[in-house]
Amino acid sequence: MGNLPILNLTMHLNLAHRSVDSLKIVSAHLEGTRCEAPFFPLIVAGPHDESQMIHFGVRPIVAKEGRELRRRVVLVDQFGHKHSTQLVTFLPPPAHPTPSASINCLLCHKPIAAEDLYQGAAIPAHKNCIR
């Protein structure tokens, strides 16, 4: 981000709570890191919310190139309360993509043919993986 290297992460998750009021998630980071990139707040309306995709950037960079990363994600709400997930496994991107390398769907992790790519998504995904 600018001249500052950060670790960008994406995850698909279901969030829920028991309160009648909405909860706003205003920040996310991995345990042992801090949020360094702008985070778009998420609204968690209650116990039956749809799953959501979140993107966040952290420092220090705790991932090793080409290896899986397993850490808890800490979600911070509008009151400053921290909510930790169970261990989450983040898969590495291809180390050095080549022009012939296939693009994998971030939701199902299978290769995407050009005709199956969902054009309206901000992430590479199959048309049938986006709801």
N, C-alpha and C. Protein backbone atom coordinates (compact mmCIF):
# COMPACT_ATOMS: atom_id res chain seq x y z
N MET A 1 0.86 -1.16 0.00
CA MET A 1 0.00 0.00 0.00
C MET A 1 0.91 1.22 0.00
N GLY A 2 0.96 1.89 -1.11
CA GLY A 2 1.97 2.93 -1.26
C GLY A 2 3.32 2.25 -1.31
N ASN A 3 4.24 2.65 -0.45
CA ASN A 3 5.55 2.00 -0.35
C ASN A 3 5.60 0.98 0.78
N LEU A 4 4.49 0.80 1.49
CA LEU A 4 4.44 -0.11 2.63
C LEU A 4 3.90 -1.46 2.22
N PRO A 5 4.72 -2.53 2.27
CA PRO A 5 4.19 -3.85 1.92
C PRO A 5 3.21 -4.33 3.00
N ILE A 6 2.08 -4.85 2.56
CA ILE A 6 1.10 -5.41 3.49
C ILE A 6 0.66 -6.77 2.98
N LEU A 7 0.10 -7.57 3.86
CA LEU A 7 -0.44 -8.87 3.50
C LEU A 7 -1.94 -8.69 3.28
N ASN A 8 -2.39 -8.88 2.03
CA ASN A 8 -3.81 -8.76 1.70
C ASN A 8 -4.47 -10.12 1.83
N LEU A 9 -5.59 -10.16 2.52
CA LEU A 9 -6.30 -11.41 2.78
C LEU A 9 -7.77 -11.27 2.38
N THR A 10 -8.34 -12.38 1.94
CA THR A 10 -9.74 -12.44 1.57
C THR A 10 -10.34 -13.66 2.22
N MET A 11 -11.53 -13.51 2.78
CA MET A 11 -12.21 -14.67 3.34
C MET A 11 -13.72 -14.54 3.17
N HIS A 12 -14.34 -15.67 3.06
CA HIS A 12 -15.79 -15.79 2.90
C HIS A 12 -16.31 -16.34 4.22
N LEU A 13 -17.25 -15.65 4.86
CA LEU A 13 -17.67 -16.08 6.17
C LEU A 13 -19.14 -15.80 6.44
N ASN A 14 -19.68 -16.52 7.41
CA ASN A 14 -21.03 -16.29 7.90
C ASN A 14 -20.90 -15.66 9.28
N LEU A 15 -21.56 -14.54 9.48
CA LEU A 15 -21.54 -13.87 10.77
C LEU A 15 -22.97 -13.83 11.31
N ALA A 16 -23.11 -13.96 12.61
CA ALA A 16 -24.43 -13.91 13.23
C ALA A 16 -24.28 -13.50 14.70
N HIS A 17 -25.35 -13.00 15.27
CA HIS A 17 -25.39 -12.71 16.70
C HIS A 17 -26.83 -12.83 17.18
N ARG A 18 -27.03 -12.78 18.50
CA ARG A 18 -28.36 -13.01 19.07
C ARG A 18 -29.12 -11.74 19.41
N SER A 19 -28.50 -10.59 19.32
CA SER A 19 -29.14 -9.33 19.69
C SER A 19 -30.20 -8.91 18.67
N VAL A 20 -31.11 -8.06 19.07
CA VAL A 20 -32.10 -7.52 18.14
C VAL A 20 -31.53 -6.34 17.37
N ASP A 21 -30.44 -5.75 17.86
CA ASP A 21 -29.79 -4.62 17.20
C ASP A 21 -28.71 -5.12 16.24
N SER A 22 -28.43 -4.31 15.24
CA SER A 22 -27.36 -4.65 14.30
C SER A 22 -26.00 -4.43 14.95
N LEU A 23 -25.02 -5.14 14.45
CA LEU A 23 -23.65 -5.00 14.90
C LEU A 23 -22.83 -4.62 13.67
N LYS A 24 -21.93 -3.66 13.83
CA LYS A 24 -21.08 -3.23 12.72
C LYS A 24 -19.65 -3.69 13.00
N ILE A 25 -19.08 -4.43 12.06
CA ILE A 25 -17.67 -4.81 12.13
C ILE A 25 -16.89 -3.72 11.42
N VAL A 26 -16.00 -3.05 12.16
CA VAL A 26 -15.29 -1.89 11.62
C VAL A 26 -13.83 -2.16 11.28
N SER A 27 -13.32 -3.33 11.70
CA SER A 27 -11.92 -3.64 11.42
C SER A 27 -11.72 -5.15 11.52
N ALA A 28 -10.68 -5.63 10.85
CA ALA A 28 -10.31 -7.04 10.93
C ALA A 28 -8.80 -7.16 10.82
N HIS A 29 -8.24 -8.12 11.54
CA HIS A 29 -6.81 -8.42 11.46
C HIS A 29 -6.57 -9.84 11.93
N LEU A 30 -5.40 -10.36 11.67
CA LEU A 30 -5.01 -11.66 12.18
C LEU A 30 -4.44 -11.48 13.58
N GLU A 31 -4.55 -12.52 14.41
CA GLU A 31 -3.92 -12.47 15.72
C GLU A 31 -2.44 -12.16 15.54
N GLY A 32 -1.93 -11.24 16.30
CA GLY A 32 -0.52 -10.87 16.23
C GLY A 32 -0.19 -9.85 15.16
N THR A 33 -1.20 -9.31 14.49
CA THR A 33 -0.98 -8.28 13.46
C THR A 33 -1.90 -7.10 13.74
N ARG A 34 -1.82 -6.10 12.89
CA ARG A 34 -2.73 -4.95 12.97
C ARG A 34 -3.26 -4.65 11.58
N CYS A 35 -4.44 -4.10 11.51
CA CYS A 35 -5.07 -3.73 10.24
C CYS A 35 -4.36 -2.52 9.67
N GLU A 36 -3.91 -2.60 8.41
CA GLU A 36 -3.16 -1.51 7.79
C GLU A 36 -3.84 -0.95 6.53
N ALA A 37 -4.84 -1.64 6.04
CA ALA A 37 -5.50 -1.20 4.81
C ALA A 37 -6.90 -0.71 5.16
N PRO A 38 -7.47 0.16 4.34
CA PRO A 38 -8.85 0.57 4.59
C PRO A 38 -9.76 -0.66 4.63
N PHE A 39 -10.66 -0.68 5.58
CA PHE A 39 -11.58 -1.80 5.77
C PHE A 39 -13.00 -1.28 5.56
N PHE A 40 -13.75 -1.96 4.69
CA PHE A 40 -15.13 -1.56 4.46
C PHE A 40 -16.01 -2.22 5.51
N PRO A 41 -16.66 -1.43 6.38
CA PRO A 41 -17.45 -2.00 7.48
C PRO A 41 -18.52 -2.97 6.99
N LEU A 42 -18.79 -3.98 7.83
CA LEU A 42 -19.83 -4.97 7.57
C LEU A 42 -20.93 -4.80 8.59
N ILE A 43 -22.16 -4.92 8.16
CA ILE A 43 -23.29 -4.89 9.08
C ILE A 43 -23.75 -6.33 9.29
N VAL A 44 -23.83 -6.73 10.55
CA VAL A 44 -24.35 -8.04 10.92
C VAL A 44 -25.71 -7.79 11.56
N ALA A 45 -26.78 -8.13 10.83
CA ALA A 45 -28.12 -7.77 11.27
C ALA A 45 -28.67 -8.68 12.35
N GLY A 46 -28.24 -9.93 12.38
CA GLY A 46 -28.79 -10.84 13.37
C GLY A 46 -28.39 -12.27 13.13
N PRO A 47 -29.24 -13.21 13.54
CA PRO A 47 -28.87 -14.63 13.47
C PRO A 47 -28.98 -15.27 12.09
N HIS A 48 -29.58 -14.60 11.11
CA HIS A 48 -29.83 -15.24 9.82
C HIS A 48 -29.22 -14.48 8.65
N ASP A 49 -28.11 -13.81 8.86
CA ASP A 49 -27.48 -13.04 7.79
C ASP A 49 -26.90 -13.95 6.72
N GLU A 50 -26.84 -13.42 5.51
CA GLU A 50 -26.19 -14.12 4.39
C GLU A 50 -24.68 -14.10 4.61
N SER A 51 -23.99 -15.04 3.98
CA SER A 51 -22.53 -15.05 4.07
C SER A 51 -21.97 -13.83 3.33
N GLN A 52 -20.78 -13.41 3.73
CA GLN A 52 -20.17 -12.21 3.17
C GLN A 52 -18.70 -12.47 2.85
N MET A 53 -18.18 -11.71 1.92
CA MET A 53 -16.77 -11.76 1.56
C MET A 53 -16.12 -10.52 2.19
N ILE A 54 -15.00 -10.72 2.88
CA ILE A 54 -14.29 -9.57 3.42
C ILE A 54 -12.85 -9.57 2.91
N HIS A 55 -12.32 -8.37 2.79
CA HIS A 55 -10.94 -8.16 2.37
C HIS A 55 -10.29 -7.28 3.43
N PHE A 56 -9.07 -7.63 3.82
CA PHE A 56 -8.36 -6.79 4.78
C PHE A 56 -6.86 -6.96 4.57
N GLY A 57 -6.11 -5.94 4.95
CA GLY A 57 -4.66 -5.95 4.81
C GLY A 57 -4.01 -5.75 6.16
N VAL A 58 -2.96 -6.54 6.44
CA VAL A 58 -2.34 -6.50 7.76
C VAL A 58 -0.82 -6.35 7.68
N ARG A 59 -0.24 -5.94 8.80
CA ARG A 59 1.20 -5.91 9.04
C ARG A 59 1.41 -6.43 10.43
N PRO A 60 2.48 -7.06 10.76
CA PRO A 60 3.54 -7.48 9.85
C PRO A 60 3.07 -8.61 8.95
N ILE A 61 3.82 -8.82 7.90
CA ILE A 61 3.51 -9.91 6.97
C ILE A 61 3.95 -11.21 7.64
N VAL A 62 2.98 -12.05 7.96
CA VAL A 62 3.26 -13.28 8.71
C VAL A 62 3.20 -14.52 7.83
N ALA A 63 2.87 -14.36 6.57
CA ALA A 63 2.78 -15.50 5.65
C ALA A 63 4.14 -15.78 5.02
N LYS A 64 4.37 -17.03 4.71
CA LYS A 64 5.56 -17.45 3.97
C LYS A 64 5.13 -17.73 2.54
N GLU A 65 5.89 -17.25 1.58
CA GLU A 65 5.52 -17.40 0.17
C GLU A 65 5.29 -18.87 -0.19
N GLY A 66 4.14 -19.11 -0.83
CA GLY A 66 3.81 -20.45 -1.31
C GLY A 66 3.29 -21.40 -0.24
N ARG A 67 3.11 -20.94 0.99
CA ARG A 67 2.64 -21.81 2.07
C ARG A 67 1.29 -21.36 2.59
N GLU A 68 0.54 -22.32 3.14
CA GLU A 68 -0.72 -21.98 3.80
C GLU A 68 -0.42 -21.18 5.06
N LEU A 69 -1.38 -20.35 5.44
CA LEU A 69 -1.28 -19.57 6.66
C LEU A 69 -2.49 -19.92 7.52
N ARG A 70 -2.25 -20.32 8.78
CA ARG A 70 -3.35 -20.65 9.70
C ARG A 70 -3.28 -19.70 10.89
N ARG A 71 -4.29 -18.88 11.01
CA ARG A 71 -4.37 -17.92 12.12
C ARG A 71 -5.83 -17.66 12.46
N ARG A 72 -6.05 -17.16 13.65
CA ARG A 72 -7.37 -16.67 14.03
C ARG A 72 -7.54 -15.27 13.46
N VAL A 73 -8.75 -14.96 13.04
CA VAL A 73 -9.07 -13.62 12.56
C VAL A 73 -9.78 -12.90 13.71
N VAL A 74 -9.38 -11.67 13.96
CA VAL A 74 -10.00 -10.86 15.00
C VAL A 74 -10.87 -9.81 14.32
N LEU A 75 -12.16 -9.85 14.61
CA LEU A 75 -13.10 -8.87 14.08
C LEU A 75 -13.42 -7.88 15.20
N VAL A 76 -13.34 -6.58 14.90
CA VAL A 76 -13.57 -5.54 15.89
C VAL A 76 -14.88 -4.84 15.56
N ASP A 77 -15.78 -4.76 16.56
CA ASP A 77 -17.08 -4.12 16.31
C ASP A 77 -17.04 -2.63 16.63
N GLN A 78 -18.17 -1.96 16.41
CA GLN A 78 -18.24 -0.51 16.58
C GLN A 78 -18.02 -0.08 18.02
N PHE A 79 -18.09 -0.99 18.98
CA PHE A 79 -17.87 -0.66 20.39
C PHE A 79 -16.43 -0.96 20.82
N GLY A 80 -15.61 -1.46 19.89
CA GLY A 80 -14.23 -1.79 20.20
C GLY A 80 -14.06 -3.20 20.75
N HIS A 81 -15.14 -3.98 20.80
CA HIS A 81 -15.06 -5.36 21.28
C HIS A 81 -14.43 -6.23 20.19
N LYS A 82 -13.56 -7.14 20.61
CA LYS A 82 -12.87 -8.03 19.68
C LYS A 82 -13.52 -9.40 19.71
N HIS A 83 -13.75 -9.96 18.52
CA HIS A 83 -14.36 -11.28 18.37
C HIS A 83 -13.40 -12.14 17.54
N SER A 84 -12.86 -13.19 18.14
CA SER A 84 -11.90 -14.06 17.45
C SER A 84 -12.61 -15.26 16.82
N THR A 85 -12.17 -15.62 15.64
CA THR A 85 -12.68 -16.81 14.96
C THR A 85 -11.88 -18.02 15.42
N GLN A 86 -12.31 -19.19 14.97
CA GLN A 86 -11.48 -20.38 15.10
C GLN A 86 -10.32 -20.21 14.12
N LEU A 87 -9.38 -21.13 14.11
CA LEU A 87 -8.27 -21.05 13.16
C LEU A 87 -8.82 -21.07 11.73
N VAL A 88 -8.33 -20.16 10.92
CA VAL A 88 -8.72 -20.06 9.51
C VAL A 88 -7.49 -20.37 8.67
N THR A 89 -7.67 -21.18 7.63
CA THR A 89 -6.56 -21.49 6.72
C THR A 89 -6.69 -20.62 5.48
N PHE A 90 -5.66 -19.84 5.22
CA PHE A 90 -5.59 -19.01 4.02
C PHE A 90 -4.66 -19.71 3.04
N LEU A 91 -5.13 -19.92 1.82
CA LEU A 91 -4.33 -20.59 0.80
C LEU A 91 -3.49 -19.58 0.04
N PRO A 92 -2.28 -19.97 -0.34
CA PRO A 92 -1.42 -19.03 -1.06
C PRO A 92 -1.84 -18.89 -2.52
N PRO A 93 -1.59 -17.73 -3.10
CA PRO A 93 -1.81 -17.60 -4.55
C PRO A 93 -0.68 -18.32 -5.27
N PRO A 94 -0.82 -18.56 -6.57
CA PRO A 94 0.31 -19.15 -7.31
C PRO A 94 1.54 -18.26 -7.14
N ALA A 95 2.69 -18.87 -6.88
CA ALA A 95 3.91 -18.10 -6.60
C ALA A 95 4.31 -17.20 -7.76
N HIS A 96 4.33 -17.74 -8.96
CA HIS A 96 4.72 -16.96 -10.14
C HIS A 96 3.80 -17.33 -11.29
N PRO A 97 2.64 -16.68 -11.39
CA PRO A 97 1.71 -17.07 -12.45
C PRO A 97 2.32 -16.82 -13.83
N THR A 98 2.01 -17.69 -14.74
CA THR A 98 2.45 -17.53 -16.12
C THR A 98 1.22 -17.26 -16.97
N PRO A 99 1.40 -16.77 -18.20
CA PRO A 99 0.23 -16.51 -19.04
C PRO A 99 -0.65 -17.74 -19.25
N SER A 100 -0.07 -18.94 -19.20
CA SER A 100 -0.87 -20.14 -19.42
C SER A 100 -1.48 -20.68 -18.12
N ALA A 101 -1.10 -20.09 -16.97
CA ALA A 101 -1.64 -20.57 -15.69
C ALA A 101 -3.13 -20.26 -15.61
N SER A 102 -3.88 -21.19 -15.06
CA SER A 102 -5.32 -20.97 -14.93
C SER A 102 -5.59 -20.08 -13.72
N ILE A 103 -6.72 -19.41 -13.78
CA ILE A 103 -7.17 -18.59 -12.65
C ILE A 103 -8.16 -19.44 -11.88
N ASN A 104 -8.00 -19.51 -10.56
CA ASN A 104 -8.90 -20.29 -9.73
C ASN A 104 -9.93 -19.39 -9.06
N CYS A 105 -11.10 -19.94 -8.89
CA CYS A 105 -12.21 -19.27 -8.20
C CYS A 105 -11.83 -19.12 -6.73
N LEU A 106 -12.02 -17.93 -6.17
CA LEU A 106 -11.71 -17.71 -4.76
C LEU A 106 -12.74 -18.35 -3.84
N LEU A 107 -13.87 -18.80 -4.37
CA LEU A 107 -14.90 -19.40 -3.54
C LEU A 107 -14.82 -20.92 -3.52
N CYS A 108 -14.62 -21.55 -4.68
CA CYS A 108 -14.57 -23.02 -4.72
C CYS A 108 -13.17 -23.54 -5.02
N HIS A 109 -12.25 -22.65 -5.39
CA HIS A 109 -10.83 -22.97 -5.64
C HIS A 109 -10.60 -23.82 -6.89
N LYS A 110 -11.59 -23.92 -7.78
CA LYS A 110 -11.42 -24.68 -9.02
C LYS A 110 -11.09 -23.70 -10.15
N PRO A 111 -10.40 -24.16 -11.20
CA PRO A 111 -10.07 -23.29 -12.33
C PRO A 111 -11.33 -22.71 -12.99
N ILE A 112 -11.19 -21.49 -13.52
CA ILE A 112 -12.30 -20.81 -14.18
C ILE A 112 -12.00 -20.69 -15.66
N ALA A 113 -12.88 -21.20 -16.50
CA ALA A 113 -12.78 -20.97 -17.95
C ALA A 113 -13.28 -19.55 -18.21
N ALA A 114 -12.78 -18.92 -19.25
CA ALA A 114 -13.14 -17.53 -19.54
C ALA A 114 -14.64 -17.35 -19.64
N GLU A 115 -15.35 -18.30 -20.25
CA GLU A 115 -16.80 -18.16 -20.40
C GLU A 115 -17.57 -18.34 -19.09
N ASP A 116 -16.91 -18.90 -18.06
CA ASP A 116 -17.56 -19.11 -16.75
C ASP A 116 -17.23 -18.01 -15.74
N LEU A 117 -16.36 -17.07 -16.11
CA LEU A 117 -15.94 -16.00 -15.20
C LEU A 117 -17.08 -15.01 -14.99
N TYR A 118 -17.40 -14.73 -13.73
CA TYR A 118 -18.44 -13.75 -13.40
C TYR A 118 -17.83 -12.36 -13.56
N GLN A 119 -18.28 -11.61 -14.55
CA GLN A 119 -17.67 -10.33 -14.90
C GLN A 119 -17.95 -9.23 -13.88
N GLY A 120 -19.06 -9.33 -13.13
CA GLY A 120 -19.43 -8.27 -12.19
C GLY A 120 -18.78 -8.38 -10.83
N ALA A 121 -18.00 -9.43 -10.57
CA ALA A 121 -17.42 -9.63 -9.25
C ALA A 121 -16.08 -8.92 -9.13
N ALA A 122 -15.76 -8.49 -7.92
CA ALA A 122 -14.48 -7.84 -7.65
C ALA A 122 -13.36 -8.86 -7.46
N ILE A 123 -13.73 -10.14 -7.43
CA ILE A 123 -12.77 -11.22 -7.24
C ILE A 123 -12.98 -12.24 -8.35
N PRO A 124 -11.97 -13.05 -8.68
CA PRO A 124 -12.20 -14.10 -9.68
C PRO A 124 -13.13 -15.17 -9.11
N ALA A 125 -14.26 -15.40 -9.78
CA ALA A 125 -15.24 -16.38 -9.32
C ALA A 125 -16.07 -16.89 -10.49
N HIS A 126 -16.56 -18.13 -10.35
CA HIS A 126 -17.48 -18.70 -11.34
C HIS A 126 -18.83 -17.99 -11.26
N LYS A 127 -19.53 -17.96 -12.38
CA LYS A 127 -20.88 -17.39 -12.39
C LYS A 127 -21.78 -18.10 -11.38
N ASN A 128 -21.67 -19.44 -11.30
CA ASN A 128 -22.56 -20.17 -10.40
C ASN A 128 -22.10 -20.14 -8.94
N CYS A 129 -20.91 -19.60 -8.63
CA CYS A 129 -20.47 -19.48 -7.24
C CYS A 129 -20.94 -18.15 -6.61
N ILE A 130 -21.28 -17.18 -7.44
CA ILE A 130 -21.76 -15.88 -6.96
C ILE A 130 -23.28 -15.93 -6.86
N ARG A 131 -23.79 -15.57 -5.72
CA ARG A 131 -25.25 -15.56 -5.52
C ARG A 131 -25.77 -14.17 -5.50
